[in-house]
Amino acid sequence: MNHIHINDTMTADEFKFRMLNSKDIQEHNRWQALYLAKAKGFSAHEIADIIGVSKYSVNKWVYNFNHIGEESLFSRSKGGNRTSFLSWEEEEELLSEIGKTS
């Protein structure tokens, strides 16, 4: 099995801490993959089997961590402004304007 090289910017304990404090399952999986590689010396294939992802995903996470840094492992929002809603007054005004034009 091929050994995965991870930059020495973080210790295995730091990977474990990040894994245990992840905000969602995807982020947890990324930190877990790096933890298993760093602490246990598992191959990408072994890690993929444990986590239930592809070997390609594991290699991509390792590559991104080594070249971009830890920020590449954090989950990002999915885009869009999900908290912007009209107030009741704005909605009534909009509906009345739509009613006038139809």
PDB file of N, CA and C in Angstrom:
ATOM      1  N   MET A   1       0.836  -1.182   0.000  1.00  0.00           N
ATOM      2  CA  MET A   1       0.000   0.000   0.000  1.00  0.00           C
ATOM      3  C   MET A   1       0.885   1.251   0.000  1.00  0.00           C
ATOM      4  N   ASN A   2       0.417   2.259  -0.687  1.00  0.00           N
ATOM      5  CA  ASN A   2       1.174   3.506  -0.783  1.00  0.00           C
ATOM      6  C   ASN A   2       0.977   4.359   0.449  1.00  0.00           C
ATOM      7  N   HIS A   3       2.084   4.863   0.976  1.00  0.00           N
ATOM      8  CA  HIS A   3       2.046   5.748   2.131  1.00  0.00           C
ATOM      9  C   HIS A   3       1.643   7.144   1.672  1.00  0.00           C
ATOM     10  N   ILE A   4       0.814   7.798   2.441  1.00  0.00           N
ATOM     11  CA  ILE A   4       0.379   9.160   2.130  1.00  0.00           C
ATOM     12  C   ILE A   4       1.280  10.134   2.870  1.00  0.00           C
ATOM     13  N   HIS A   5       1.800  11.126   2.156  1.00  0.00           N
ATOM     14  CA  HIS A   5       2.616  12.154   2.794  1.00  0.00           C
ATOM     15  C   HIS A   5       1.740  13.358   3.104  1.00  0.00           C
ATOM     16  N   ILE A   6       1.753  13.768   4.366  1.00  0.00           N
ATOM     17  CA  ILE A   6       1.023  14.961   4.799  1.00  0.00           C
ATOM     18  C   ILE A   6       2.042  15.929   5.393  1.00  0.00           C
ATOM     19  N   ASN A   7       1.938  17.192   4.969  1.00  0.00           N
ATOM     20  CA  ASN A   7       2.847  18.217   5.506  1.00  0.00           C
ATOM     21  C   ASN A   7       2.845  18.198   7.024  1.00  0.00           C
ATOM     22  N   ASP A   8       3.964  18.566   7.608  1.00  0.00           N
ATOM     23  CA  ASP A   8       4.114  18.559   9.066  1.00  0.00           C
ATOM     24  C   ASP A   8       3.636  19.846   9.729  1.00  0.00           C
ATOM     25  N   THR A   9       2.615  20.474   9.173  1.00  0.00           N
ATOM     26  CA  THR A   9       2.106  21.716   9.747  1.00  0.00           C
ATOM     27  C   THR A   9       1.193  21.477  10.936  1.00  0.00           C
ATOM     28  N   MET A  10       0.686  20.240  11.077  1.00  0.00           N
ATOM     29  CA  MET A  10      -0.196  19.901  12.196  1.00  0.00           C
ATOM     30  C   MET A  10       0.175  18.513  12.728  1.00  0.00           C
ATOM     31  N   THR A  11      -0.080  18.307  14.012  1.00  0.00           N
ATOM     32  CA  THR A  11       0.167  16.995  14.616  1.00  0.00           C
ATOM     33  C   THR A  11      -1.081  16.119  14.469  1.00  0.00           C
ATOM     34  N   ALA A  12      -0.921  14.842  14.733  1.00  0.00           N
ATOM     35  CA  ALA A  12      -2.054  13.916  14.694  1.00  0.00           C
ATOM     36  C   ALA A  12      -3.126  14.337  15.695  1.00  0.00           C
ATOM     37  N   ASP A  13      -2.704  14.813  16.871  1.00  0.00           N
ATOM     38  CA  ASP A  13      -3.672  15.271  17.872  1.00  0.00           C
ATOM     39  C   ASP A  13      -4.473  16.476  17.382  1.00  0.00           C
ATOM     40  N   GLU A  14      -3.832  17.354  16.635  1.00  0.00           N
ATOM     41  CA  GLU A  14      -4.554  18.507  16.085  1.00  0.00           C
ATOM     42  C   GLU A  14      -5.565  18.058  15.037  1.00  0.00           C
ATOM     43  N   PHE A  15      -5.191  17.079  14.213  1.00  0.00           N
ATOM     44  CA  PHE A  15      -6.147  16.533  13.237  1.00  0.00           C
ATOM     45  C   PHE A  15      -7.341  15.912  13.958  1.00  0.00           C
ATOM     46  N   LYS A  16      -7.061  15.162  15.030  1.00  0.00           N
ATOM     47  CA  LYS A  16      -8.128  14.515  15.794  1.00  0.00           C
ATOM     48  C   LYS A  16      -9.049  15.554  16.421  1.00  0.00           C
ATOM     49  N   PHE A  17      -8.479  16.621  16.980  1.00  0.00           N
ATOM     50  CA  PHE A  17      -9.284  17.685  17.573  1.00  0.00           C
ATOM     51  C   PHE A  17     -10.201  18.308  16.533  1.00  0.00           C
ATOM     52  N   ARG A  18      -9.654  18.622  15.344  1.00  0.00           N
ATOM     53  CA  ARG A  18     -10.461  19.217  14.266  1.00  0.00           C
ATOM     54  C   ARG A  18     -11.560  18.246  13.822  1.00  0.00           C
ATOM     55  N   MET A  19     -11.218  16.967  13.749  1.00  0.00           N
ATOM     56  CA  MET A  19     -12.188  15.948  13.353  1.00  0.00           C
ATOM     57  C   MET A  19     -13.352  15.908  14.347  1.00  0.00           C
ATOM     58  N   LEU A  20     -13.043  15.911  15.638  1.00  0.00           N
ATOM     59  CA  LEU A  20     -14.068  15.808  16.668  1.00  0.00           C
ATOM     60  C   LEU A  20     -14.902  17.077  16.812  1.00  0.00           C
ATOM     61  N   ASN A  21     -14.392  18.182  16.302  1.00  0.00           N
ATOM     62  CA  ASN A  21     -15.104  19.464  16.405  1.00  0.00           C
ATOM     63  C   ASN A  21     -15.595  19.978  15.054  1.00  0.00           C
ATOM     64  N   SER A  22     -15.771  19.090  14.097  1.00  0.00           N
ATOM     65  CA  SER A  22     -16.244  19.476  12.767  1.00  0.00           C
ATOM     66  C   SER A  22     -17.699  19.902  12.828  1.00  0.00           C
ATOM     67  N   LYS A  23     -18.077  20.795  11.892  1.00  0.00           N
ATOM     68  CA  LYS A  23     -19.453  21.293  11.922  1.00  0.00           C
ATOM     69  C   LYS A  23     -20.421  20.443  11.106  1.00  0.00           C
ATOM     70  N   ASP A  24     -19.910  19.546  10.270  1.00  0.00           N
ATOM     71  CA  ASP A  24     -20.792  18.648   9.523  1.00  0.00           C
ATOM     72  C   ASP A  24     -20.031  17.376   9.148  1.00  0.00           C
ATOM     73  N   ILE A  25     -20.743  16.399   8.623  1.00  0.00           N
ATOM     74  CA  ILE A  25     -20.148  15.083   8.343  1.00  0.00           C
ATOM     75  C   ILE A  25     -19.093  15.149   7.242  1.00  0.00           C
ATOM     76  N   GLN A  26     -19.286  16.010   6.250  1.00  0.00           N
ATOM     77  CA  GLN A  26     -18.300  16.108   5.173  1.00  0.00           C
ATOM     78  C   GLN A  26     -16.965  16.627   5.707  1.00  0.00           C
ATOM     79  N   GLU A  27     -17.045  17.655   6.531  1.00  0.00           N
ATOM     80  CA  GLU A  27     -15.819  18.197   7.117  1.00  0.00           C
ATOM     81  C   GLU A  27     -15.182  17.161   8.049  1.00  0.00           C
ATOM     82  N   HIS A  28     -15.989  16.443   8.801  1.00  0.00           N
ATOM     83  CA  HIS A  28     -15.501  15.388   9.692  1.00  0.00           C
ATOM     84  C   HIS A  28     -14.731  14.337   8.898  1.00  0.00           C
ATOM     85  N   ASN A  29     -15.287  13.915   7.761  1.00  0.00           N
ATOM     86  CA  ASN A  29     -14.632  12.902   6.928  1.00  0.00           C
ATOM     87  C   ASN A  29     -13.269  13.368   6.429  1.00  0.00           C
ATOM     88  N   ARG A  30     -13.173  14.627   6.034  1.00  0.00           N
ATOM     89  CA  ARG A  30     -11.894  15.149   5.531  1.00  0.00           C
ATOM     90  C   ARG A  30     -10.834  15.145   6.631  1.00  0.00           C
ATOM     91  N   TRP A  31     -11.208  15.626   7.826  1.00  0.00           N
ATOM     92  CA  TRP A  31     -10.255  15.632   8.933  1.00  0.00           C
ATOM     93  C   TRP A  31      -9.918  14.203   9.367  1.00  0.00           C
ATOM     94  N   GLN A  32     -10.912  13.324   9.349  1.00  0.00           N
ATOM     95  CA  GLN A  32     -10.664  11.932   9.731  1.00  0.00           C
ATOM     96  C   GLN A  32      -9.676  11.273   8.777  1.00  0.00           C
ATOM     97  N   ALA A  33      -9.810  11.545   7.494  1.00  0.00           N
ATOM     98  CA  ALA A  33      -8.893  10.971   6.502  1.00  0.00           C
ATOM     99  C   ALA A  33      -7.451  11.389   6.803  1.00  0.00           C
ATOM    100  N   LEU A  34      -7.257  12.664   7.081  1.00  0.00           N
ATOM    101  CA  LEU A  34      -5.906  13.137   7.373  1.00  0.00           C
ATOM    102  C   LEU A  34      -5.403  12.586   8.693  1.00  0.00           C
ATOM    103  N   TYR A  35      -6.295  12.478   9.667  1.00  0.00           N
ATOM    104  CA  TYR A  35      -5.901  11.897  10.953  1.00  0.00           C
ATOM    105  C   TYR A  35      -5.454  10.447  10.777  1.00  0.00           C
ATOM    106  N   LEU A  36      -6.217   9.652  10.041  1.00  0.00           N
ATOM    107  CA  LEU A  36      -5.866   8.243   9.843  1.00  0.00           C
ATOM    108  C   LEU A  36      -4.542   8.090   9.094  1.00  0.00           C
ATOM    109  N   ALA A  37      -4.296   8.986   8.148  1.00  0.00           N
ATOM    110  CA  ALA A  37      -3.035   8.930   7.411  1.00  0.00           C
ATOM    111  C   ALA A  37      -1.865   9.320   8.313  1.00  0.00           C
ATOM    112  N   LYS A  38      -2.052  10.380   9.094  1.00  0.00           N
ATOM    113  CA  LYS A  38      -0.970  10.904   9.934  1.00  0.00           C
ATOM    114  C   LYS A  38      -0.703  10.001  11.149  1.00  0.00           C
ATOM    115  N   ALA A  39      -1.756   9.636  11.873  1.00  0.00           N
ATOM    116  CA  ALA A  39      -1.592   8.908  13.131  1.00  0.00           C
ATOM    117  C   ALA A  39      -1.392   7.414  12.927  1.00  0.00           C
ATOM    118  N   LYS A  40      -2.073   6.840  11.950  1.00  0.00           N
ATOM    119  CA  LYS A  40      -2.060   5.391  11.779  1.00  0.00           C
ATOM    120  C   LYS A  40      -1.258   4.923  10.568  1.00  0.00           C
ATOM    121  N   GLY A  41      -0.919   5.860   9.672  1.00  0.00           N
ATOM    122  CA  GLY A  41      -0.144   5.497   8.489  1.00  0.00           C
ATOM    123  C   GLY A  41      -0.925   4.720   7.449  1.00  0.00           C
ATOM    124  N   PHE A  42      -2.255   4.869   7.450  1.00  0.00           N
ATOM    125  CA  PHE A  42      -3.084   4.141   6.487  1.00  0.00           C
ATOM    126  C   PHE A  42      -2.903   4.694   5.080  1.00  0.00           C
ATOM    127  N   SER A  43      -3.135   3.834   4.099  1.00  0.00           N
ATOM    128  CA  SER A  43      -3.077   4.236   2.694  1.00  0.00           C
ATOM    129  C   SER A  43      -4.398   4.895   2.305  1.00  0.00           C
ATOM    130  N   ALA A  44      -4.403   5.546   1.149  1.00  0.00           N
ATOM    131  CA  ALA A  44      -5.628   6.172   0.652  1.00  0.00           C
ATOM    132  C   ALA A  44      -6.718   5.131   0.456  1.00  0.00           C
ATOM    133  N   HIS A  45      -6.357   3.957  -0.021  1.00  0.00           N
ATOM    134  CA  HIS A  45      -7.328   2.887  -0.235  1.00  0.00           C
ATOM    135  C   HIS A  45      -7.945   2.437   1.096  1.00  0.00           C
ATOM    136  N   GLU A  46      -7.124   2.258   2.111  1.00  0.00           N
ATOM    137  CA  GLU A  46      -7.623   1.846   3.427  1.00  0.00           C
ATOM    138  C   GLU A  46      -8.538   2.912   4.033  1.00  0.00           C
ATOM    139  N   ILE A  47      -8.123   4.163   3.921  1.00  0.00           N
ATOM    140  CA  ILE A  47      -8.922   5.267   4.456  1.00  0.00           C
ATOM    141  C   ILE A  47     -10.255   5.361   3.725  1.00  0.00           C
ATOM    142  N   ALA A  48     -10.221   5.229   2.416  1.00  0.00           N
ATOM    143  CA  ALA A  48     -11.454   5.282   1.624  1.00  0.00           C
ATOM    144  C   ALA A  48     -12.425   4.193   2.064  1.00  0.00           C
ATOM    145  N   ASP A  49     -11.920   2.999   2.308  1.00  0.00           N
ATOM    146  CA  ASP A  49     -12.777   1.903   2.776  1.00  0.00           C
ATOM    147  C   ASP A  49     -13.364   2.190   4.151  1.00  0.00           C
ATOM    148  N   ILE A  50     -12.579   2.744   5.045  1.00  0.00           N
ATOM    149  CA  ILE A  50     -13.040   3.043   6.413  1.00  0.00           C
ATOM    150  C   ILE A  50     -14.121   4.123   6.405  1.00  0.00           C
ATOM    151  N   ILE A  51     -13.874   5.192   5.666  1.00  0.00           N
ATOM    152  CA  ILE A  51     -14.784   6.342   5.672  1.00  0.00           C
ATOM    153  C   ILE A  51     -15.981   6.132   4.746  1.00  0.00           C
ATOM    154  N   GLY A  52     -15.790   5.328   3.711  1.00  0.00           N
ATOM    155  CA  GLY A  52     -16.873   5.109   2.751  1.00  0.00           C
ATOM    156  C   GLY A  52     -16.894   6.123   1.630  1.00  0.00           C
ATOM    157  N   VAL A  53     -15.708   6.555   1.207  1.00  0.00           N
ATOM    158  CA  VAL A  53     -15.571   7.485   0.089  1.00  0.00           C
ATOM    159  C   VAL A  53     -14.621   6.869  -0.930  1.00  0.00           C
ATOM    160  N   SER A  54     -14.413   7.554  -2.029  1.00  0.00           N
ATOM    161  CA  SER A  54     -13.492   7.044  -3.043  1.00  0.00           C
ATOM    162  C   SER A  54     -12.047   7.345  -2.667  1.00  0.00           C
ATOM    163  N   LYS A  55     -11.148   6.554  -3.213  1.00  0.00           N
ATOM    164  CA  LYS A  55      -9.716   6.793  -3.027  1.00  0.00           C
ATOM    165  C   LYS A  55      -9.337   8.149  -3.629  1.00  0.00           C
ATOM    166  N   TYR A  56     -10.001   8.502  -4.720  1.00  0.00           N
ATOM    167  CA  TYR A  56      -9.772   9.794  -5.363  1.00  0.00           C
ATOM    168  C   TYR A  56     -10.066  10.941  -4.380  1.00  0.00           C
ATOM    169  N   SER A  57     -11.180  10.846  -3.623  1.00  0.00           N
ATOM    170  CA  SER A  57     -11.525  11.897  -2.656  1.00  0.00           C
ATOM    171  C   SER A  57     -10.447  12.036  -1.594  1.00  0.00           C
ATOM    172  N   VAL A  58      -9.983  10.923  -1.075  1.00  0.00           N
ATOM    173  CA  VAL A  58      -8.937  10.960  -0.050  1.00  0.00           C
ATOM    174  C   VAL A  58      -7.690  11.632  -0.598  1.00  0.00           C
ATOM    175  N   ASN A  59      -7.267  11.226  -1.781  1.00  0.00           N
ATOM    176  CA  ASN A  59      -6.071  11.828  -2.385  1.00  0.00           C
ATOM    177  C   ASN A  59      -6.256  13.317  -2.654  1.00  0.00           C
ATOM    178  N   LYS A  60      -7.466  13.710  -3.066  1.00  0.00           N
ATOM    179  CA  LYS A  60      -7.758  15.123  -3.325  1.00  0.00           C
ATOM    180  C   LYS A  60      -7.683  15.932  -2.032  1.00  0.00           C
ATOM    181  N   TRP A  61      -8.229  15.398  -0.929  1.00  0.00           N
ATOM    182  CA  TRP A  61      -8.177  16.101   0.350  1.00  0.00           C
ATOM    183  C   TRP A  61      -6.740  16.281   0.817  1.00  0.00           C
ATOM    184  N   VAL A  62      -5.937  15.229   0.665  1.00  0.00           N
ATOM    185  CA  VAL A  62      -4.529  15.303   1.072  1.00  0.00           C
ATOM    186  C   VAL A  62      -3.787  16.319   0.207  1.00  0.00           C
ATOM    187  N   TYR A  63      -4.003  16.251  -1.097  1.00  0.00           N
ATOM    188  CA  TYR A  63      -3.358  17.195  -2.009  1.00  0.00           C
ATOM    189  C   TYR A  63      -3.726  18.639  -1.648  1.00  0.00           C
ATOM    190  N   ASN A  64      -5.036  18.878  -1.457  1.00  0.00           N
ATOM    191  CA  ASN A  64      -5.488  20.237  -1.125  1.00  0.00           C
ATOM    192  C   ASN A  64      -4.895  20.714   0.197  1.00  0.00           C
ATOM    193  N   PHE A  65      -4.841  19.841   1.188  1.00  0.00           N
ATOM    194  CA  PHE A  65      -4.255  20.227   2.470  1.00  0.00           C
ATOM    195  C   PHE A  65      -2.783  20.575   2.295  1.00  0.00           C
ATOM    196  N   ASN A  66      -2.051  19.762   1.566  1.00  0.00           N
ATOM    197  CA  ASN A  66      -0.616  19.991   1.371  1.00  0.00           C
ATOM    198  C   ASN A  66      -0.318  21.246   0.563  1.00  0.00           C
ATOM    199  N   HIS A  67      -1.193  21.594  -0.386  1.00  0.00           N
ATOM    200  CA  HIS A  67      -0.910  22.715  -1.282  1.00  0.00           C
ATOM    201  C   HIS A  67      -1.659  24.000  -0.943  1.00  0.00           C
ATOM    202  N   ILE A  68      -2.832  23.880  -0.335  1.00  0.00           N
ATOM    203  CA  ILE A  68      -3.627  25.067  -0.013  1.00  0.00           C
ATOM    204  C   ILE A  68      -3.603  25.343   1.481  1.00  0.00           C
ATOM    205  N   GLY A  69      -3.659  24.281   2.271  1.00  0.00           N
ATOM    206  CA  GLY A  69      -3.663  24.441   3.716  1.00  0.00           C
ATOM    207  C   GLY A  69      -4.960  23.954   4.331  1.00  0.00           C
ATOM    208  N   GLU A  70      -5.074  24.139   5.634  1.00  0.00           N
ATOM    209  CA  GLU A  70      -6.218  23.601   6.361  1.00  0.00           C
ATOM    210  C   GLU A  70      -7.541  24.228   5.944  1.00  0.00           C
ATOM    211  N   GLU A  71      -7.523  25.445   5.420  1.00  0.00           N
ATOM    212  CA  GLU A  71      -8.771  26.078   4.987  1.00  0.00           C
ATOM    213  C   GLU A  71      -9.455  25.295   3.861  1.00  0.00           C
ATOM    214  N   SER A  72      -8.702  24.461   3.162  1.00  0.00           N
ATOM    215  CA  SER A  72      -9.292  23.657   2.093  1.00  0.00           C
ATOM    216  C   SER A  72     -10.201  22.550   2.633  1.00  0.00           C
ATOM    217  N   LEU A  73     -10.114  22.262   3.931  1.00  0.00           N
ATOM    218  CA  LEU A  73     -10.907  21.180   4.516  1.00  0.00           C
ATOM    219  C   LEU A  73     -12.200  21.657   5.151  1.00  0.00           C
ATOM    220  N   PHE A  74     -12.332  22.949   5.396  1.00  0.00           N
ATOM    221  CA  PHE A  74     -13.537  23.466   6.025  1.00  0.00           C
ATOM    222  C   PHE A  74     -14.694  23.478   5.037  1.00  0.00           C
ATOM    223  N   SER A  75     -15.881  23.154   5.534  1.00  0.00           N
ATOM    224  CA  SER A  75     -17.075  23.206   4.690  1.00  0.00           C
ATOM    225  C   SER A  75     -17.428  24.655   4.404  1.00  0.00           C
ATOM    226  N   ARG A  76     -17.867  24.877   3.188  1.00  0.00           N
ATOM    227  CA  ARG A  76     -18.268  26.217   2.789  1.00  0.00           C
ATOM    228  C   ARG A  76     -19.780  26.248   2.639  1.00  0.00           C
ATOM    229  N   SER A  77     -20.350  27.437   2.745  1.00  0.00           N
ATOM    230  CA  SER A  77     -21.786  27.550   2.540  1.00  0.00           C
ATOM    231  C   SER A  77     -22.088  27.241   1.078  1.00  0.00           C
ATOM    232  N   LYS A  78     -23.300  26.874   0.822  1.00  0.00           N
ATOM    233  CA  LYS A  78     -23.700  26.442  -0.514  1.00  0.00           C
ATOM    234  C   LYS A  78     -24.108  27.587  -1.430  1.00  0.00           C
ATOM    235  N   GLY A  79     -23.914  28.813  -0.973  1.00  0.00           N
ATOM    236  CA  GLY A  79     -24.233  29.960  -1.808  1.00  0.00           C
ATOM    237  C   GLY A  79     -25.678  30.396  -1.644  1.00  0.00           C
ATOM    238  N   GLY A  80     -25.978  31.519  -2.212  1.00  0.00           N
ATOM    239  CA  GLY A  80     -27.328  32.050  -2.101  1.00  0.00           C
ATOM    240  C   GLY A  80     -27.539  32.737  -0.765  1.00  0.00           C
ATOM    241  N   ASN A  81     -28.448  33.656  -0.751  1.00  0.00           N
ATOM    242  CA  ASN A  81     -28.764  34.360   0.480  1.00  0.00           C
ATOM    243  C   ASN A  81     -30.026  33.743   1.056  1.00  0.00           C
ATOM    244  N   ARG A  82     -29.857  32.787   1.950  1.00  0.00           N
ATOM    245  CA  ARG A  82     -30.986  32.032   2.477  1.00  0.00           C
ATOM    246  C   ARG A  82     -31.679  32.738   3.639  1.00  0.00           C
ATOM    247  N   THR A  83     -31.160  33.844   4.089  1.00  0.00           N
ATOM    248  CA  THR A  83     -31.760  34.522   5.233  1.00  0.00           C
ATOM    249  C   THR A  83     -32.465  35.809   4.848  1.00  0.00           C
ATOM    250  N   SER A  84     -32.474  36.151   3.593  1.00  0.00           N
ATOM    251  CA  SER A  84     -33.071  37.398   3.165  1.00  0.00           C
ATOM    252  C   SER A  84     -34.509  37.153   2.723  1.00  0.00           C
ATOM    253  N   PHE A  85     -35.446  37.580   3.549  1.00  0.00           N
ATOM    254  CA  PHE A  85     -36.865  37.463   3.229  1.00  0.00           C
ATOM    255  C   PHE A  85     -37.491  38.850   3.287  1.00  0.00           C
ATOM    256  N   LEU A  86     -38.575  38.993   2.592  1.00  0.00           N
ATOM    257  CA  LEU A  86     -39.294  40.261   2.630  1.00  0.00           C
ATOM    258  C   LEU A  86     -40.049  40.387   3.948  1.00  0.00           C
ATOM    259  N   SER A  87     -40.152  41.603   4.419  1.00  0.00           N
ATOM    260  CA  SER A  87     -41.023  41.837   5.570  1.00  0.00           C
ATOM    261  C   SER A  87     -42.471  41.729   5.069  1.00  0.00           C
ATOM    262  N   TRP A  88     -43.430  41.654   6.010  1.00  0.00           N
ATOM    263  CA  TRP A  88     -44.840  41.569   5.607  1.00  0.00           C
ATOM    264  C   TRP A  88     -45.231  42.763   4.756  1.00  0.00           C
ATOM    265  N   GLU A  89     -44.768  43.936   5.145  1.00  0.00           N
ATOM    266  CA  GLU A  89     -45.118  45.152   4.407  1.00  0.00           C
ATOM    267  C   GLU A  89     -44.541  45.114   2.990  1.00  0.00           C
ATOM    268  N   GLU A  90     -43.275  44.676   2.873  1.00  0.00           N
ATOM    269  CA  GLU A  90     -42.641  44.594   1.548  1.00  0.00           C
ATOM    270  C   GLU A  90     -43.340  43.557   0.670  1.00  0.00           C
ATOM    271  N   GLU A  91     -43.728  42.448   1.282  1.00  0.00           N
ATOM    272  CA  GLU A  91     -44.417  41.408   0.508  1.00  0.00           C
ATOM    273  C   GLU A  91     -45.776  41.903   0.021  1.00  0.00           C
ATOM    274  N   GLU A  92     -46.535  42.588   0.898  1.00  0.00           N
ATOM    275  CA  GLU A  92     -47.838  43.123   0.498  1.00  0.00           C
ATOM    276  C   GLU A  92     -47.680  44.132  -0.633  1.00  0.00           C
ATOM    277  N   GLU A  93     -46.658  44.980  -0.518  1.00  0.00           N
ATOM    278  CA  GLU A  93     -46.411  45.978  -1.568  1.00  0.00           C
ATOM    279  C   GLU A  93     -46.071  45.294  -2.889  1.00  0.00           C
ATOM    280  N   LEU A  94     -45.213  44.279  -2.832  1.00  0.00           N
ATOM    281  CA  LEU A  94     -44.849  43.554  -4.039  1.00  0.00           C
ATOM    282  C   LEU A  94     -46.063  42.888  -4.670  1.00  0.00           C
ATOM    283  N   LEU A  95     -46.879  42.241  -3.851  1.00  0.00           N
ATOM    284  CA  LEU A  95     -48.058  41.552  -4.374  1.00  0.00           C
ATOM    285  C   LEU A  95     -49.068  42.534  -4.968  1.00  0.00           C
ATOM    286  N   SER A  96     -49.179  43.703  -4.336  1.00  0.00           N
ATOM    287  CA  SER A  96     -50.111  44.673  -4.891  1.00  0.00           C
ATOM    288  C   SER A  96     -49.599  45.227  -6.215  1.00  0.00           C
ATOM    289  N   GLU A  97     -48.290  45.411  -6.337  1.00  0.00           N
ATOM    290  CA  GLU A  97     -47.708  45.869  -7.605  1.00  0.00           C
ATOM    291  C   GLU A  97     -47.891  44.813  -8.694  1.00  0.00           C
ATOM    292  N   ILE A  98     -47.708  43.556  -8.328  1.00  0.00           N
ATOM    293  CA  ILE A  98     -47.895  42.482  -9.314  1.00  0.00           C
ATOM    294  C   ILE A  98     -49.356  42.420  -9.742  1.00  0.00           C
ATOM    295  N   GLY A  99     -50.266  42.600  -8.783  1.00  0.00           N
ATOM    296  CA  GLY A  99     -51.699  42.592  -9.091  1.00  0.00           C
ATOM    297  C   GLY A  99     -52.098  43.720 -10.015  1.00  0.00           C
ATOM    298  N   LYS A 100     -51.452  44.874  -9.900  1.00  0.00           N
ATOM    299  CA  LYS A 100     -51.782  46.038 -10.742  1.00  0.00           C
ATOM    300  C   LYS A 100     -51.334  45.811 -12.176  1.00  0.00           C
ATOM    301  N   THR A 101     -50.230  45.076 -12.371  1.00  0.00           N
ATOM    302  CA  THR A 101     -49.683  44.893 -13.722  1.00  0.00           C
ATOM    303  C   THR A 101     -50.307  43.724 -14.464  1.00  0.00           C
ATOM    304  N   SER A 102     -51.058  42.863 -13.768  1.00  0.00           N
ATOM    305  CA  SER A 102     -51.619  41.706 -14.483  1.00  0.00           C
ATOM    306  C   SER A 102     -53.017  41.927 -14.964  1.00  0.00           C
TER     307      SER A 102
END
